[in-house]
Structures are given as C-alpha cells and as structure tokens.
N, C-alpha and C. Protein backbone atom coordinates (compact mmCIF):
# COMPACT_ATOMS: atom_id res chain seq x y z
N MET A 1 21.50 -7.38 -1.54
CA MET A 1 20.85 -8.57 -2.04
C MET A 1 20.35 -8.29 -3.46
N PRO A 2 20.82 -9.02 -4.46
CA PRO A 2 20.36 -8.79 -5.83
C PRO A 2 18.97 -9.37 -6.07
N ILE A 3 18.29 -8.82 -7.06
CA ILE A 3 16.98 -9.33 -7.47
C ILE A 3 17.22 -10.57 -8.33
N LYS A 4 16.61 -11.70 -7.95
CA LYS A 4 16.80 -12.94 -8.69
C LYS A 4 15.54 -13.41 -9.41
N SER A 5 14.40 -12.85 -9.02
CA SER A 5 13.13 -13.16 -9.68
C SER A 5 12.22 -11.95 -9.52
N ILE A 6 11.14 -11.94 -10.27
CA ILE A 6 10.21 -10.81 -10.16
C ILE A 6 8.83 -11.32 -9.75
N TYR A 7 8.07 -10.40 -9.15
CA TYR A 7 6.69 -10.74 -8.79
C TYR A 7 5.89 -10.87 -10.07
N THR A 8 5.15 -11.93 -10.19
CA THR A 8 4.29 -12.10 -11.35
C THR A 8 2.82 -11.93 -10.99
N LYS A 9 2.49 -12.06 -9.71
CA LYS A 9 1.11 -11.89 -9.26
C LYS A 9 0.92 -10.44 -8.81
N TYR A 10 -0.32 -9.99 -8.89
CA TYR A 10 -0.62 -8.64 -8.43
C TYR A 10 -0.53 -8.58 -6.91
N PHE A 11 0.02 -7.50 -6.38
CA PHE A 11 0.01 -7.25 -4.94
C PHE A 11 -0.58 -5.87 -4.71
N GLN A 12 -1.22 -5.70 -3.55
CA GLN A 12 -1.86 -4.43 -3.22
C GLN A 12 -0.80 -3.34 -3.13
N LYS A 13 -0.80 -2.46 -4.10
CA LYS A 13 0.17 -1.35 -4.12
C LYS A 13 -0.07 -0.41 -2.93
N SER A 14 -1.32 -0.25 -2.56
CA SER A 14 -1.63 0.63 -1.43
C SER A 14 -1.00 0.12 -0.14
N LYS A 15 -0.95 -1.19 0.02
CA LYS A 15 -0.38 -1.77 1.24
C LYS A 15 1.14 -1.60 1.27
N MET A 16 1.77 -1.69 0.12
CA MET A 16 3.23 -1.64 0.06
C MET A 16 3.79 -0.21 -0.02
N PHE A 17 3.10 0.68 -0.71
CA PHE A 17 3.61 2.03 -0.90
C PHE A 17 3.00 3.07 0.04
N LEU A 18 1.74 2.91 0.41
CA LEU A 18 1.05 3.94 1.20
C LEU A 18 0.94 3.60 2.68
N TYR A 19 0.59 2.37 3.00
CA TYR A 19 0.46 2.00 4.41
C TYR A 19 1.71 2.36 5.23
N PRO A 20 2.92 2.14 4.70
CA PRO A 20 4.12 2.52 5.47
C PRO A 20 4.18 4.01 5.82
N LEU A 21 3.45 4.85 5.09
CA LEU A 21 3.47 6.29 5.36
C LEU A 21 2.57 6.70 6.52
N LEU A 22 1.88 5.75 7.12
CA LEU A 22 1.06 6.06 8.29
C LEU A 22 1.91 6.22 9.55
N GLY A 23 3.16 5.82 9.46
CA GLY A 23 4.06 5.97 10.62
C GLY A 23 3.87 4.88 11.66
N ILE A 24 3.17 3.83 11.32
CA ILE A 24 2.99 2.72 12.25
C ILE A 24 4.26 1.89 12.22
N LYS A 25 4.77 1.57 13.39
CA LYS A 25 6.04 0.86 13.47
C LYS A 25 5.98 -0.48 12.76
N LYS A 26 7.07 -0.79 12.07
CA LYS A 26 7.16 -2.10 11.43
C LYS A 26 7.16 -3.17 12.50
N GLY A 27 6.58 -4.29 12.19
CA GLY A 27 6.50 -5.38 13.14
C GLY A 27 5.34 -5.26 14.12
N ALA A 28 4.42 -4.32 13.89
CA ALA A 28 3.26 -4.18 14.77
C ALA A 28 2.46 -5.48 14.76
N LYS A 29 1.89 -5.85 15.91
CA LYS A 29 1.14 -7.09 16.02
C LYS A 29 -0.18 -7.04 15.27
N VAL A 30 -0.69 -5.85 15.06
CA VAL A 30 -1.96 -5.68 14.37
C VAL A 30 -1.69 -5.00 13.03
N VAL A 31 -2.14 -5.62 11.96
CA VAL A 31 -2.00 -5.04 10.63
C VAL A 31 -3.35 -5.16 9.91
N PRO A 32 -3.60 -4.29 8.95
CA PRO A 32 -4.86 -4.43 8.22
C PRO A 32 -4.86 -5.69 7.37
N SER A 33 -6.02 -6.30 7.24
CA SER A 33 -6.09 -7.48 6.39
C SER A 33 -6.00 -7.06 4.93
N GLU A 34 -6.51 -5.87 4.62
CA GLU A 34 -6.41 -5.31 3.27
C GLU A 34 -6.35 -3.79 3.35
N THR A 35 -5.84 -3.20 2.29
CA THR A 35 -5.84 -1.74 2.14
C THR A 35 -6.39 -1.43 0.75
N TYR A 36 -6.98 -0.25 0.63
CA TYR A 36 -7.61 0.13 -0.63
C TYR A 36 -7.38 1.61 -0.92
N LEU A 37 -7.48 1.96 -2.20
CA LEU A 37 -7.38 3.35 -2.66
C LEU A 37 -8.76 3.98 -2.84
N ALA A 38 -9.78 3.14 -2.84
CA ALA A 38 -11.13 3.62 -3.08
C ALA A 38 -12.12 2.74 -2.34
N TRP A 39 -13.30 3.31 -2.11
CA TRP A 39 -14.39 2.57 -1.50
C TRP A 39 -15.66 2.97 -2.24
N ASP A 40 -16.13 2.09 -3.08
CA ASP A 40 -17.29 2.37 -3.90
C ASP A 40 -18.56 2.33 -3.04
N PRO A 41 -19.35 3.37 -3.01
CA PRO A 41 -19.38 4.57 -3.82
C PRO A 41 -18.88 5.82 -3.09
N TYR A 42 -18.15 5.66 -1.98
CA TYR A 42 -17.81 6.79 -1.11
C TYR A 42 -16.53 7.54 -1.48
N TYR A 43 -15.51 6.83 -1.85
CA TYR A 43 -14.23 7.46 -2.17
C TYR A 43 -13.71 6.91 -3.49
N ILE A 44 -13.10 7.78 -4.27
CA ILE A 44 -12.41 7.37 -5.49
C ILE A 44 -10.92 7.66 -5.29
N PRO A 45 -10.05 7.07 -6.10
CA PRO A 45 -8.61 7.24 -5.87
C PRO A 45 -8.12 8.68 -5.78
N VAL A 46 -8.71 9.58 -6.55
CA VAL A 46 -8.23 10.98 -6.51
C VAL A 46 -8.61 11.69 -5.20
N ASP A 47 -9.43 11.06 -4.37
CA ASP A 47 -9.76 11.65 -3.06
C ASP A 47 -8.59 11.58 -2.09
N MET A 48 -7.57 10.82 -2.44
CA MET A 48 -6.35 10.68 -1.65
C MET A 48 -6.63 10.10 -0.26
N LYS A 49 -7.42 9.04 -0.22
CA LYS A 49 -7.74 8.35 1.02
C LYS A 49 -7.22 6.91 0.95
N LEU A 50 -6.64 6.48 2.04
CA LEU A 50 -6.23 5.09 2.19
C LEU A 50 -7.24 4.44 3.13
N ILE A 51 -7.88 3.39 2.66
CA ILE A 51 -8.88 2.69 3.45
C ILE A 51 -8.25 1.39 3.93
N CYS A 52 -8.22 1.22 5.25
CA CYS A 52 -7.62 0.02 5.85
C CYS A 52 -8.71 -0.80 6.52
N LEU A 53 -8.80 -2.06 6.13
CA LEU A 53 -9.77 -2.98 6.69
C LEU A 53 -9.10 -3.82 7.77
N TYR A 54 -9.64 -3.77 8.97
CA TYR A 54 -9.12 -4.56 10.09
C TYR A 54 -10.13 -5.61 10.48
N HIS A 55 -9.63 -6.81 10.73
CA HIS A 55 -10.42 -7.92 11.26
C HIS A 55 -9.83 -8.21 12.65
N PRO A 56 -10.33 -7.54 13.68
CA PRO A 56 -9.74 -7.77 15.01
C PRO A 56 -9.85 -9.24 15.42
N LYS A 57 -8.69 -9.88 15.60
CA LYS A 57 -8.68 -11.29 16.00
C LYS A 57 -8.51 -11.41 17.51
N GLU A 58 -7.40 -10.97 18.01
CA GLU A 58 -7.18 -10.97 19.46
C GLU A 58 -7.73 -9.64 19.98
N LYS A 59 -8.93 -9.66 20.50
CA LYS A 59 -9.65 -8.44 20.87
C LYS A 59 -8.84 -7.52 21.79
N ASP A 60 -8.19 -8.08 22.80
CA ASP A 60 -7.44 -7.24 23.74
C ASP A 60 -6.28 -6.54 23.05
N VAL A 61 -5.53 -7.29 22.25
CA VAL A 61 -4.38 -6.71 21.54
C VAL A 61 -4.87 -5.67 20.54
N TYR A 62 -5.93 -6.01 19.81
CA TYR A 62 -6.46 -5.08 18.82
C TYR A 62 -6.96 -3.80 19.48
N GLU A 63 -7.75 -3.91 20.54
CA GLU A 63 -8.31 -2.73 21.19
C GLU A 63 -7.23 -1.80 21.71
N LYS A 64 -6.16 -2.36 22.25
CA LYS A 64 -5.03 -1.56 22.71
C LYS A 64 -4.37 -0.85 21.53
N PHE A 65 -4.15 -1.56 20.43
CA PHE A 65 -3.54 -1.00 19.23
C PHE A 65 -4.43 0.12 18.67
N GLU A 66 -5.72 -0.15 18.59
CA GLU A 66 -6.65 0.86 18.08
C GLU A 66 -6.57 2.14 18.90
N LYS A 67 -6.63 1.98 20.22
CA LYS A 67 -6.65 3.15 21.11
C LYS A 67 -5.32 3.91 21.09
N GLN A 68 -4.21 3.19 21.13
CA GLN A 68 -2.90 3.83 21.23
C GLN A 68 -2.32 4.28 19.90
N ILE A 69 -2.66 3.60 18.81
CA ILE A 69 -2.03 3.88 17.52
C ILE A 69 -3.02 4.44 16.49
N LEU A 70 -4.05 3.69 16.18
CA LEU A 70 -4.95 4.11 15.10
C LEU A 70 -5.70 5.39 15.41
N LEU A 71 -6.29 5.46 16.59
CA LEU A 71 -7.10 6.64 16.94
C LEU A 71 -6.27 7.90 17.12
N LYS A 72 -4.98 7.75 17.32
CA LYS A 72 -4.10 8.91 17.50
C LYS A 72 -3.36 9.30 16.21
N ASN A 73 -3.58 8.55 15.14
CA ASN A 73 -2.88 8.83 13.89
C ASN A 73 -3.38 10.15 13.30
N ASN A 74 -2.44 11.03 12.96
CA ASN A 74 -2.82 12.36 12.47
C ASN A 74 -3.44 12.33 11.06
N ARG A 75 -3.40 11.21 10.37
CA ARG A 75 -4.03 11.10 9.05
C ARG A 75 -5.46 10.55 9.13
N LEU A 76 -5.87 10.05 10.29
CA LEU A 76 -7.18 9.44 10.45
C LEU A 76 -8.29 10.48 10.26
N VAL A 77 -9.24 10.17 9.37
CA VAL A 77 -10.36 11.08 9.13
C VAL A 77 -11.72 10.44 9.37
N ASP A 78 -11.78 9.11 9.38
CA ASP A 78 -13.07 8.46 9.56
C ASP A 78 -12.88 7.01 9.97
N ILE A 79 -13.88 6.48 10.68
CA ILE A 79 -13.90 5.08 11.09
C ILE A 79 -15.30 4.56 10.80
N LYS A 80 -15.39 3.40 10.22
CA LYS A 80 -16.68 2.77 9.97
C LYS A 80 -16.64 1.36 10.53
N THR A 81 -17.57 1.07 11.41
CA THR A 81 -17.71 -0.28 11.93
C THR A 81 -18.67 -1.03 11.03
N ILE A 82 -18.17 -2.09 10.42
CA ILE A 82 -19.00 -2.88 9.52
C ILE A 82 -19.82 -3.88 10.34
N ASP A 83 -19.14 -4.59 11.23
CA ASP A 83 -19.78 -5.51 12.16
C ASP A 83 -18.76 -5.78 13.28
N ASP A 84 -19.04 -6.76 14.13
CA ASP A 84 -18.13 -7.05 15.24
C ASP A 84 -16.74 -7.47 14.80
N ASP A 85 -16.63 -7.96 13.58
CA ASP A 85 -15.35 -8.49 13.11
C ASP A 85 -14.68 -7.67 12.01
N ASN A 86 -15.27 -6.55 11.63
CA ASN A 86 -14.73 -5.76 10.53
C ASN A 86 -14.86 -4.27 10.80
N LYS A 87 -13.73 -3.57 10.70
CA LYS A 87 -13.72 -2.14 10.91
C LYS A 87 -12.88 -1.49 9.83
N LEU A 88 -13.34 -0.36 9.33
CA LEU A 88 -12.59 0.40 8.33
C LEU A 88 -12.06 1.68 8.95
N PHE A 89 -10.80 1.96 8.67
CA PHE A 89 -10.17 3.21 9.08
C PHE A 89 -9.76 3.93 7.81
N ILE A 90 -10.17 5.18 7.70
CA ILE A 90 -9.88 5.96 6.49
C ILE A 90 -8.88 7.05 6.86
N PHE A 91 -7.79 7.08 6.09
CA PHE A 91 -6.69 8.01 6.33
C PHE A 91 -6.54 8.95 5.15
N ASP A 92 -6.25 10.21 5.43
CA ASP A 92 -6.14 11.24 4.40
C ASP A 92 -4.68 11.50 4.02
N PHE A 93 -4.41 11.57 2.72
CA PHE A 93 -3.07 11.82 2.20
C PHE A 93 -3.02 13.09 1.35
N ALA A 94 -3.94 14.02 1.59
CA ALA A 94 -4.00 15.25 0.79
C ALA A 94 -2.72 16.07 0.88
N ASP A 95 -1.99 15.93 1.97
CA ASP A 95 -0.73 16.69 2.10
C ASP A 95 0.38 16.14 1.20
N LEU A 96 0.17 14.95 0.64
CA LEU A 96 1.14 14.32 -0.26
C LEU A 96 0.57 14.23 -1.68
N LYS A 97 -0.09 15.29 -2.09
CA LYS A 97 -0.80 15.30 -3.38
C LYS A 97 0.10 14.88 -4.55
N ASP A 98 1.29 15.44 -4.64
CA ASP A 98 2.19 15.12 -5.76
C ASP A 98 2.62 13.66 -5.71
N ASP A 99 2.99 13.19 -4.52
CA ASP A 99 3.39 11.79 -4.37
C ASP A 99 2.23 10.85 -4.67
N TRP A 100 1.03 11.21 -4.23
CA TRP A 100 -0.16 10.40 -4.50
C TRP A 100 -0.38 10.29 -6.01
N SER A 101 -0.24 11.41 -6.71
CA SER A 101 -0.40 11.41 -8.17
C SER A 101 0.63 10.51 -8.84
N MET A 102 1.88 10.62 -8.42
CA MET A 102 2.93 9.77 -8.99
C MET A 102 2.62 8.30 -8.72
N PHE A 103 2.14 8.01 -7.53
CA PHE A 103 1.76 6.65 -7.16
C PHE A 103 0.65 6.12 -8.09
N LEU A 104 -0.42 6.90 -8.27
CA LEU A 104 -1.54 6.47 -9.11
C LEU A 104 -1.11 6.24 -10.56
N GLU A 105 -0.14 7.03 -11.02
CA GLU A 105 0.35 6.90 -12.39
C GLU A 105 1.40 5.80 -12.54
N GLY A 106 1.78 5.17 -11.42
CA GLY A 106 2.81 4.14 -11.47
C GLY A 106 4.20 4.69 -11.67
N LYS A 107 4.39 5.94 -11.35
CA LYS A 107 5.70 6.59 -11.49
C LYS A 107 6.37 6.63 -10.10
N TYR A 108 6.62 5.46 -9.59
CA TYR A 108 7.15 5.32 -8.24
C TYR A 108 8.53 5.96 -8.08
N SER A 109 9.31 5.97 -9.13
CA SER A 109 10.65 6.57 -9.06
C SER A 109 10.58 8.09 -8.95
N LYS A 110 9.42 8.66 -9.26
CA LYS A 110 9.24 10.12 -9.22
C LYS A 110 8.71 10.60 -7.87
N ILE A 111 8.43 9.68 -6.97
CA ILE A 111 7.97 10.06 -5.63
C ILE A 111 9.10 10.81 -4.92
N ASN A 112 8.74 11.78 -4.13
CA ASN A 112 9.70 12.59 -3.37
C ASN A 112 10.66 11.71 -2.58
N SER A 113 11.92 12.07 -2.55
CA SER A 113 12.93 11.23 -1.89
C SER A 113 12.67 11.05 -0.39
N THR A 114 12.13 12.05 0.29
CA THR A 114 11.81 11.90 1.71
C THR A 114 10.71 10.86 1.89
N THR A 115 9.71 10.89 1.03
CA THR A 115 8.63 9.92 1.08
C THR A 115 9.15 8.52 0.76
N LYS A 116 10.03 8.42 -0.23
CA LYS A 116 10.63 7.12 -0.56
C LYS A 116 11.34 6.52 0.64
N GLU A 117 12.09 7.33 1.34
CA GLU A 117 12.84 6.82 2.50
C GLU A 117 11.90 6.36 3.61
N LYS A 118 10.79 7.06 3.80
CA LYS A 118 9.80 6.63 4.80
C LYS A 118 9.21 5.27 4.42
N ILE A 119 8.97 5.08 3.14
CA ILE A 119 8.43 3.80 2.67
C ILE A 119 9.45 2.70 2.94
N LEU A 120 10.69 2.92 2.53
CA LEU A 120 11.73 1.90 2.70
C LEU A 120 12.01 1.60 4.17
N TYR A 121 11.94 2.62 5.02
CA TYR A 121 12.23 2.44 6.44
C TYR A 121 11.27 1.43 7.09
N PHE A 122 10.09 1.30 6.53
CA PHE A 122 9.08 0.40 7.07
C PHE A 122 9.50 -1.07 6.95
N PHE A 123 10.27 -1.39 5.93
CA PHE A 123 10.65 -2.78 5.66
C PHE A 123 12.03 -3.09 6.22
N PRO A 124 12.19 -4.23 6.89
CA PRO A 124 13.52 -4.61 7.37
C PRO A 124 14.49 -4.73 6.19
N GLU A 125 15.68 -4.16 6.34
CA GLU A 125 16.65 -4.14 5.24
C GLU A 125 17.04 -5.53 4.75
N SER A 126 16.93 -6.52 5.60
CA SER A 126 17.31 -7.88 5.21
C SER A 126 16.17 -8.63 4.50
N SER A 127 15.02 -7.99 4.37
CA SER A 127 13.86 -8.68 3.78
C SER A 127 13.82 -8.53 2.26
N ALA A 128 13.18 -9.49 1.63
CA ALA A 128 12.97 -9.42 0.18
C ALA A 128 12.10 -8.21 -0.18
N ASN A 129 11.12 -7.91 0.66
CA ASN A 129 10.26 -6.75 0.38
C ASN A 129 11.06 -5.46 0.28
N TYR A 130 12.06 -5.33 1.15
CA TYR A 130 12.91 -4.13 1.12
C TYR A 130 13.60 -4.02 -0.24
N VAL A 131 14.18 -5.11 -0.70
CA VAL A 131 14.92 -5.09 -1.97
C VAL A 131 13.97 -4.78 -3.13
N TYR A 132 12.81 -5.42 -3.15
CA TYR A 132 11.85 -5.15 -4.22
C TYR A 132 11.40 -3.69 -4.17
N MET A 133 11.04 -3.22 -3.00
CA MET A 133 10.58 -1.84 -2.88
C MET A 133 11.68 -0.87 -3.30
N ARG A 134 12.91 -1.17 -2.95
CA ARG A 134 14.03 -0.32 -3.36
C ARG A 134 14.13 -0.30 -4.89
N SER A 135 13.94 -1.46 -5.51
CA SER A 135 14.02 -1.52 -6.98
C SER A 135 12.90 -0.72 -7.63
N TYR A 136 11.73 -0.68 -7.01
CA TYR A 136 10.61 0.08 -7.56
C TYR A 136 10.81 1.58 -7.39
N LEU A 137 11.37 1.97 -6.25
CA LEU A 137 11.56 3.39 -5.96
C LEU A 137 12.81 3.97 -6.61
N TYR A 138 13.83 3.13 -6.77
CA TYR A 138 15.10 3.56 -7.37
C TYR A 138 15.46 2.59 -8.50
N PRO A 139 14.70 2.56 -9.58
CA PRO A 139 14.86 1.53 -10.60
C PRO A 139 16.19 1.56 -11.36
N LYS A 140 16.80 2.72 -11.52
CA LYS A 140 18.03 2.81 -12.31
C LYS A 140 19.09 1.81 -11.85
N ALA A 141 19.18 1.61 -10.55
CA ALA A 141 20.18 0.70 -10.00
C ALA A 141 19.84 -0.77 -10.26
N PHE A 142 18.63 -1.04 -10.77
CA PHE A 142 18.18 -2.42 -10.92
C PHE A 142 17.82 -2.81 -12.35
N PHE A 143 17.98 -1.89 -13.29
CA PHE A 143 17.64 -2.22 -14.68
C PHE A 143 18.39 -3.44 -15.18
N LYS A 144 19.65 -3.55 -14.84
CA LYS A 144 20.47 -4.67 -15.31
C LYS A 144 19.91 -6.00 -14.77
N ASP A 145 19.62 -6.05 -13.46
CA ASP A 145 19.08 -7.27 -12.85
C ASP A 145 17.77 -7.69 -13.54
N TYR A 146 16.86 -6.74 -13.70
CA TYR A 146 15.57 -7.04 -14.31
C TYR A 146 15.72 -7.43 -15.78
N ALA A 147 16.64 -6.78 -16.48
CA ALA A 147 16.87 -7.11 -17.89
C ALA A 147 17.33 -8.56 -18.03
N GLU A 148 18.19 -9.00 -17.14
CA GLU A 148 18.66 -10.39 -17.18
C GLU A 148 17.53 -11.37 -16.88
N ILE A 149 16.73 -11.06 -15.87
CA ILE A 149 15.62 -11.93 -15.49
C ILE A 149 14.59 -12.03 -16.60
N LEU A 150 14.28 -10.90 -17.21
CA LEU A 150 13.25 -10.85 -18.25
C LEU A 150 13.78 -11.16 -19.65
N ASP A 151 15.10 -11.28 -19.74
CA ASP A 151 15.76 -11.52 -21.02
C ASP A 151 15.39 -10.46 -22.06
N VAL A 152 15.54 -9.20 -21.63
CA VAL A 152 15.32 -8.05 -22.51
C VAL A 152 16.54 -7.14 -22.43
N ASP A 153 16.59 -6.22 -23.33
CA ASP A 153 17.70 -5.27 -23.35
C ASP A 153 17.52 -4.25 -22.22
N GLU A 154 18.61 -3.94 -21.56
CA GLU A 154 18.58 -2.99 -20.45
C GLU A 154 18.08 -1.61 -20.90
N THR A 155 18.44 -1.20 -22.12
CA THR A 155 17.98 0.12 -22.61
C THR A 155 16.46 0.15 -22.79
N PHE A 156 15.87 -1.02 -23.08
CA PHE A 156 14.42 -1.09 -23.18
C PHE A 156 13.79 -0.75 -21.82
N LEU A 157 14.28 -1.39 -20.77
CA LEU A 157 13.75 -1.10 -19.42
C LEU A 157 14.00 0.35 -19.04
N SER A 158 15.16 0.83 -19.38
CA SER A 158 15.51 2.22 -19.08
C SER A 158 14.54 3.18 -19.76
N SER A 159 14.13 2.84 -20.98
CA SER A 159 13.20 3.71 -21.71
C SER A 159 11.81 3.72 -21.05
N ILE A 160 11.44 2.61 -20.42
CA ILE A 160 10.17 2.55 -19.70
C ILE A 160 10.28 3.34 -18.41
N GLY A 161 11.37 3.15 -17.71
CA GLY A 161 11.67 3.95 -16.52
C GLY A 161 11.18 3.39 -15.20
N GLU A 162 10.22 2.49 -15.21
CA GLU A 162 9.67 1.94 -13.97
C GLU A 162 9.75 0.41 -14.00
N LEU A 163 9.82 -0.20 -12.82
CA LEU A 163 9.94 -1.65 -12.73
C LEU A 163 8.74 -2.31 -12.04
N CYS A 164 7.72 -1.52 -11.76
CA CYS A 164 6.53 -2.05 -11.09
C CYS A 164 5.30 -1.51 -11.81
N ASN A 165 4.31 -2.36 -12.02
CA ASN A 165 3.11 -1.93 -12.72
C ASN A 165 2.27 -0.97 -11.87
N ILE A 166 1.38 -0.27 -12.54
CA ILE A 166 0.54 0.71 -11.85
C ILE A 166 -0.51 0.00 -10.99
N PRO A 167 -1.05 0.74 -10.00
CA PRO A 167 -2.11 0.13 -9.20
C PRO A 167 -3.31 -0.25 -10.06
N ASP A 168 -3.86 -1.43 -9.81
CA ASP A 168 -5.07 -1.88 -10.48
C ASP A 168 -6.24 -1.34 -9.66
N ILE A 169 -6.87 -0.31 -10.17
CA ILE A 169 -7.92 0.38 -9.41
C ILE A 169 -9.07 -0.57 -9.04
N LYS A 170 -9.37 -1.50 -9.90
CA LYS A 170 -10.44 -2.46 -9.59
C LYS A 170 -10.08 -3.28 -8.35
N LYS A 171 -8.84 -3.75 -8.29
CA LYS A 171 -8.39 -4.55 -7.16
C LYS A 171 -8.11 -3.70 -5.92
N GLU A 172 -7.96 -2.42 -6.13
CA GLU A 172 -7.67 -1.49 -5.02
C GLU A 172 -8.93 -0.75 -4.57
N THR A 173 -10.09 -1.24 -5.00
CA THR A 173 -11.37 -0.62 -4.61
C THR A 173 -12.16 -1.58 -3.75
N LEU A 174 -12.56 -1.11 -2.59
CA LEU A 174 -13.40 -1.90 -1.68
C LEU A 174 -14.85 -1.76 -2.11
N ILE A 175 -15.50 -2.90 -2.24
CA ILE A 175 -16.92 -2.91 -2.56
C ILE A 175 -17.61 -3.72 -1.46
N LEU A 176 -18.54 -3.09 -0.78
CA LEU A 176 -19.31 -3.77 0.26
C LEU A 176 -20.70 -4.03 -0.27
N LYS A 177 -21.16 -5.23 -0.09
CA LYS A 177 -22.48 -5.61 -0.55
C LYS A 177 -23.29 -6.05 0.67
N GLU A 178 -24.42 -5.41 0.87
CA GLU A 178 -25.27 -5.79 2.00
C GLU A 178 -26.08 -7.03 1.65
N ASN A 179 -26.16 -7.92 2.62
CA ASN A 179 -27.11 -9.02 2.46
C ASN A 179 -27.99 -9.03 3.71
N LEU A 180 -28.93 -9.96 3.82
CA LEU A 180 -29.90 -9.91 4.90
C LEU A 180 -29.29 -10.04 6.29
N GLN A 181 -28.23 -10.77 6.43
CA GLN A 181 -27.67 -11.03 7.75
C GLN A 181 -26.64 -9.98 8.15
N ASN A 182 -25.76 -9.63 7.25
CA ASN A 182 -24.70 -8.68 7.59
C ASN A 182 -24.13 -8.08 6.32
N VAL A 183 -22.95 -7.54 6.41
CA VAL A 183 -22.30 -6.93 5.26
C VAL A 183 -21.27 -7.90 4.73
N GLU A 184 -21.27 -8.12 3.45
CA GLU A 184 -20.31 -9.02 2.82
C GLU A 184 -19.24 -8.19 2.11
N ILE A 185 -17.98 -8.54 2.32
CA ILE A 185 -16.89 -7.82 1.67
C ILE A 185 -16.57 -8.54 0.38
N ILE A 186 -16.63 -7.81 -0.73
CA ILE A 186 -16.41 -8.37 -2.06
C ILE A 186 -15.02 -7.95 -2.53
N ASN A 187 -14.22 -8.88 -2.97
CA ASN A 187 -12.92 -8.60 -3.62
C ASN A 187 -12.20 -9.86 -3.88
C-alpha cells in the first residue's frame, strides 16, 4: 500500500513506537488511553520509562487484563492508582538504551532491526498504521512517495534521513494537578 498523504497532526510517539514493545497482543480489548515518556516531577525521558494511563471502563474485562497481562509484564516497575477511574503503569526500557536514545532523537531508522520488527508486528499489515510505521522505520523505501506528496526533491528528504518528527517532550509528559476533590490529568 503506497503512502498517499502524511500525518499533519501530532501523534503520541510513545504509543506508536514504544507501547508495541510491551509484547501485549495486538487487538487487546484494553488499551491505555494515553502513553507518556515522562511524568513530571517523577520521571524524565532519559529515565527510559513508559508511563501508560488506563481508564478502566468495563471493570470485569479490565481487571482480568490487568491480572493476566499488565501485572505479569516483565517491564513493569511501578503502579500508581490515581483514583477509581485512573491507574498508571510504569514500564522500564533500560535494556533498550540505544533504541530509546534513537527514539528520543527522532532517528527511528537507526533503531535496531529486531526492535523495528517487534514494533511493526504489533500493527495489522493491512492497516494504514502499519504502512506509516514502516515508512518511519525504513524511510529509504518511501522517500519518493513523500517527495511527491510534499512536492520536494527526493534528495532533500534523503539528506534529512527521517520521515517522522521527533517526540514532543511537552506532549509526551504527564502532568497531574491535585485539586480539592481528586486528581486532575492535565494535557
């Protein structure tokens, strides 16, 4: 499937590039409402932690998923209950230090090939997300498509080397603000 348009809005890079590395099967009924690279003031991006915010909707389904999948994940290092409707799961990626660095620098094509394949495996091959993610991880094969869409010279894109912008740390940082009644999630 060729690329016919490009994303113009920001999307959570942590959700697309890192969440798939948790090994959670694609198509799971429970997914985080958001993912983050940082949690102010507890974690910063270089800590190599993925913070996943869950809003359990169907309590029975969620509790089963939490017990069978989340709590058994070998990357899980911490859980914080915000309130009855919000839970944070913090996962450690220290074993992927080089890939994490490439990710933070927006050098997605430099991520280890085994890691790239794990990311791609998460997305159904027939989906648009798969094609976009493939173009970000293996940009050389897509410079021509992007050059046509953007009406720029292919050698210009080749000189840049990447087809996806770097993570926006501000948008990838969870900020919780306490108020009198409960905790408010800001973003």
